[in-house]
């Protein structure tokens, strides 16, 4: 991934942070639309857009292979379809959440430890994406009522999983041996940062 592509990826992460702040402002009561149903709908709209941005960030990171295979890129608006197509081309595309632990190895500052659970999996992604899509339409008075309590409960869960997925994560590109480590936030920095860890080949004598 070239510098320009890394900048694009970081830009998408920054947009996710802005929309995340909006959701938490409503959750914490800092912002209020004066009607709880609308509060929930506004948060679900932001979560759906956050999920779309996660899918699009994978598109940015893997754009070379994707552009070679897909002709109608402009029509790719559905996050589930984007994930499906990118996974077909690059099975390791999805962000991998990690945390960094100081290393005892000489010359190594931190060990990258994979987070095993609690984050937004691809399965969680699809469920949240579908659920948030359903609430964006007006309630049919002749149909089933919208269960706003369900959304009140799950919005906080979804946001926690999204935060754990992205706060510090790695991405892998197709046919690229480098590892890319992404920090959503660093002390003294407003923007997200993408680092490149190059594969070092050692000779065995």
Protein backbone atom coordinates (compact mmCIF):
# COMPACT_ATOMS: atom_id res chain seq x y z
CA UNK A 1 0.00 0.00 0.00
CA UNK A 2 1.53 3.29 -1.11
CA UNK A 3 1.57 6.48 0.96
CA UNK A 4 -1.43 7.89 -0.91
CA UNK A 5 -3.47 4.77 -0.24
CA UNK A 6 -2.47 4.81 3.43
CA UNK A 7 -3.64 8.41 3.65
CA UNK A 8 -6.99 7.45 2.11
CA UNK A 9 -7.37 4.59 4.59
CA UNK A 10 -6.54 6.89 7.51
CA UNK A 11 -9.06 9.42 6.18
CA UNK A 12 -11.81 6.79 6.25
CA UNK A 13 -10.84 5.90 9.84
CA UNK A 14 -11.07 9.59 10.78
CA UNK A 15 -14.58 9.76 9.36
CA UNK A 16 -15.53 6.71 11.41
CA UNK A 17 -14.22 8.45 14.55
CA UNK A 18 -16.35 11.53 13.85
CA UNK A 19 -19.50 9.47 13.44
CA UNK A 20 -18.61 7.39 16.50
CA UNK A 21 -18.43 10.61 18.52
CA UNK A 22 -21.93 11.52 17.34
CA UNK A 23 -23.35 8.17 18.50
CA UNK A 24 -21.73 8.47 21.92
CA UNK A 25 -22.96 12.05 22.26
CA UNK A 26 -26.53 10.75 21.96
CA UNK A 27 -25.83 7.75 24.20
CA UNK A 28 -24.37 10.00 26.91
CA UNK A 29 -27.21 12.51 26.68
CA UNK A 30 -24.97 15.30 25.38
CA UNK A 31 -27.21 15.54 22.32
CA UNK A 32 -30.95 14.95 22.15
CA UNK A 33 -33.48 15.03 19.31
CA UNK A 34 -36.34 15.53 21.83
CA UNK A 35 -37.95 12.19 20.88
CA UNK A 36 -36.32 8.91 21.91
CA UNK A 37 -37.42 7.08 18.78
CA UNK A 38 -35.63 9.69 16.69
CA UNK A 39 -32.55 9.50 18.93
CA UNK A 40 -32.36 5.77 18.27
CA UNK A 41 -32.95 6.19 14.54
CA UNK A 42 -30.22 8.83 14.29
CA UNK A 43 -27.75 6.56 16.08
CA UNK A 44 -28.67 3.60 13.87
CA UNK A 45 -28.14 5.72 10.78
CA UNK A 46 -24.64 6.61 11.99
CA UNK A 47 -23.86 2.96 12.85
CA UNK A 48 -24.96 1.85 9.39
CA UNK A 49 -22.73 4.50 7.82
CA UNK A 50 -19.84 3.43 10.07
CA UNK A 51 -20.28 -0.14 8.87
CA UNK A 52 -20.33 1.05 5.26
CA UNK A 53 -17.12 2.96 5.91
CA UNK A 54 -15.48 -0.17 7.34
CA UNK A 55 -16.38 -1.99 4.13
CA UNK A 56 -15.14 0.91 2.00
CA UNK A 57 -11.88 1.08 3.96
CA UNK A 58 -11.24 -2.52 2.94
CA UNK A 59 -11.96 -1.43 -0.61
CA UNK A 60 -9.39 1.37 -0.34
CA UNK A 61 -6.76 -0.96 1.08
CA UNK A 62 -7.32 -3.61 -1.60
CA UNK A 63 -8.18 -1.30 -4.49
CA UNK A 64 -5.60 -2.63 -6.96
CA UNK A 65 -6.91 -6.17 -7.09
CA UNK A 66 -10.49 -5.00 -6.75
CA UNK A 67 -10.26 -2.54 -9.65
CA UNK A 68 -8.81 -5.25 -11.86
CA UNK A 69 -11.73 -7.57 -11.17
CA UNK A 70 -14.76 -5.30 -10.81
CA UNK A 71 -15.88 -3.03 -13.61
CA UNK A 72 -18.86 -1.30 -11.96
CA UNK A 73 -17.16 -0.01 -8.82
CA UNK A 74 -19.39 3.07 -8.72
CA UNK A 75 -22.42 0.83 -8.16
CA UNK A 76 -20.93 -0.84 -5.08
CA UNK A 77 -22.97 0.81 -2.34
CA UNK A 78 -24.20 -2.15 -0.29
CA UNK A 79 -21.71 -2.93 2.48
CA UNK A 80 -22.60 -6.64 2.59
CA UNK A 81 -21.96 -7.00 -1.14
CA UNK A 82 -18.67 -5.13 -0.87
CA UNK A 83 -17.52 -7.49 1.89
CA UNK A 84 -18.58 -10.51 -0.11
CA UNK A 85 -16.72 -9.41 -3.24
CA UNK A 86 -13.53 -8.39 -1.43
CA UNK A 87 -13.50 -11.65 0.55
CA UNK A 88 -13.75 -13.57 -2.71
CA UNK A 89 -10.64 -11.77 -3.96
CA UNK A 90 -8.75 -11.49 -0.68
CA UNK A 91 -9.92 -13.85 2.13
CA UNK A 92 -7.74 -12.01 4.70
CA UNK A 93 -9.17 -8.55 3.97
CA UNK A 94 -11.12 -7.99 7.23
CA UNK A 95 -9.46 -5.88 9.96
CA UNK A 96 -7.80 -7.95 12.68
CA UNK A 97 -8.02 -6.33 16.15
CA UNK A 98 -4.85 -6.36 18.24
CA UNK A 99 -3.30 -4.86 21.32
CA UNK A 100 0.35 -4.01 21.78
CA UNK A 101 2.41 -5.42 24.63
CA UNK A 102 5.98 -4.29 25.45
CA UNK A 103 8.43 -6.86 24.13
CA UNK A 104 11.42 -8.41 25.87
CA UNK A 105 13.08 -9.10 22.52
CA UNK A 106 16.03 -6.94 21.56
CA UNK A 107 15.16 -4.48 18.83
CA UNK A 108 11.42 -5.12 19.17
CA UNK A 109 9.41 -2.39 20.90
CA UNK A 110 6.03 -4.13 21.10
CA UNK A 111 4.54 -7.53 20.46
CA UNK A 112 1.29 -7.49 18.48
CA UNK A 113 -1.26 -9.65 20.29
CA UNK A 114 -4.38 -10.75 18.41
CA UNK A 115 -7.70 -10.11 20.17
CA UNK A 116 -9.71 -13.31 20.04
CA UNK A 117 -13.24 -12.21 20.92
CA UNK A 118 -15.51 -9.33 21.85
CA UNK A 119 -14.95 -7.40 18.63
CA UNK A 120 -17.25 -6.92 15.63
CA UNK A 121 -16.93 -10.09 13.56
CA UNK A 122 -18.09 -10.32 9.96
CA UNK A 123 -21.19 -12.13 11.21
CA UNK A 124 -21.87 -9.32 13.74
CA UNK A 125 -21.32 -6.81 10.94
CA UNK A 126 -24.05 -8.31 8.77
CA UNK A 127 -26.54 -8.59 11.65
CA UNK A 128 -25.99 -4.99 12.76
CA UNK A 129 -26.09 -3.71 9.18
CA UNK A 130 -29.41 -5.41 8.50
CA UNK A 131 -30.92 -4.37 11.82
CA UNK A 132 -29.95 -0.72 11.39
CA UNK A 133 -31.33 -0.74 7.86
CA UNK A 134 -34.75 -1.90 9.02
CA UNK A 135 -35.22 0.96 11.47
CA UNK A 136 -34.53 3.63 8.85
CA UNK A 137 -37.97 3.15 7.30
CA UNK A 138 -41.24 4.48 8.71
CA UNK A 139 -43.15 2.06 10.90
CA UNK A 140 -46.05 0.40 9.10
CA UNK A 141 -49.10 0.93 11.35
CA UNK A 142 -50.61 -2.31 9.99
CA UNK A 143 -47.46 -4.35 10.51
CA UNK A 144 -45.15 -5.26 13.36
CA UNK A 145 -44.10 -2.41 15.63
CA UNK A 146 -40.44 -1.44 15.79
CA UNK A 147 -38.85 -2.80 18.95
CA UNK A 148 -36.98 0.31 20.08
CA UNK A 149 -35.94 -1.44 23.29
CA UNK A 150 -33.98 -3.92 21.17
CA UNK A 151 -32.05 -1.07 19.58
CA UNK A 152 -31.51 0.72 22.90
CA UNK A 153 -29.88 -2.46 24.20
CA UNK A 154 -27.82 -3.30 21.12
CA UNK A 155 -26.51 0.12 20.04
CA UNK A 156 -24.09 0.19 22.98
CA UNK A 157 -23.05 -3.41 22.28
CA UNK A 158 -22.48 -2.72 18.59
CA UNK A 159 -20.44 0.39 19.32
CA UNK A 160 -18.29 -1.45 21.84
CA UNK A 161 -17.55 -4.19 19.32
CA UNK A 162 -16.75 -1.66 16.58
CA UNK A 163 -14.40 0.20 18.90
CA UNK A 164 -12.58 -3.00 19.86
CA UNK A 165 -12.29 -4.00 16.20
CA UNK A 166 -10.76 -0.73 15.03
CA UNK A 167 -8.94 0.95 17.94
CA UNK A 168 -5.75 -0.88 17.03
CA UNK A 169 -5.91 -3.29 14.12
CA UNK A 170 -3.93 -4.83 11.31
CA UNK A 171 -4.85 -5.24 7.66
CA UNK A 172 -3.42 -7.56 5.05
CA UNK A 173 -3.42 -6.92 1.32
CA UNK A 174 -3.60 -9.42 -1.49
CA UNK A 175 -0.17 -10.45 -2.78
CA UNK A 176 1.57 -8.17 -0.27
CA UNK A 177 3.78 -9.62 2.46
CA UNK A 178 3.82 -6.42 4.50
CA UNK A 179 1.69 -6.00 7.61
CA UNK A 180 -0.17 -2.73 8.13
CA UNK A 181 -0.88 -1.61 11.69
CA UNK A 182 -3.54 1.04 12.23
CA UNK A 183 -3.89 3.24 15.32
CA UNK A 184 -7.20 5.07 15.48
CA UNK A 185 -5.87 7.41 18.17
CA UNK A 186 -2.44 8.38 19.42
CA UNK A 187 -1.45 10.90 22.07
CA UNK A 188 -0.84 14.28 20.49
CA UNK A 189 -2.38 13.26 17.15
CA UNK A 190 -5.88 13.93 15.84
CA UNK A 191 -5.61 11.77 12.75
CA UNK A 192 -5.47 7.99 12.56
CA UNK A 193 -2.10 6.51 11.64
CA UNK A 194 -1.18 3.59 9.38
CA UNK A 195 2.22 1.94 9.89
CA UNK A 196 3.97 -0.46 7.54
CA UNK A 197 5.84 -3.48 8.90
CA UNK A 198 7.93 -5.03 6.17
CA UNK A 199 8.68 -8.74 6.05
CA UNK A 200 12.36 -9.38 6.71
CA UNK A 201 13.81 -12.48 5.15
CA UNK A 202 16.65 -14.08 7.06
CA UNK A 203 19.31 -16.36 5.63
CA UNK A 204 19.92 -19.67 7.38
CA UNK A 205 23.56 -20.70 7.06
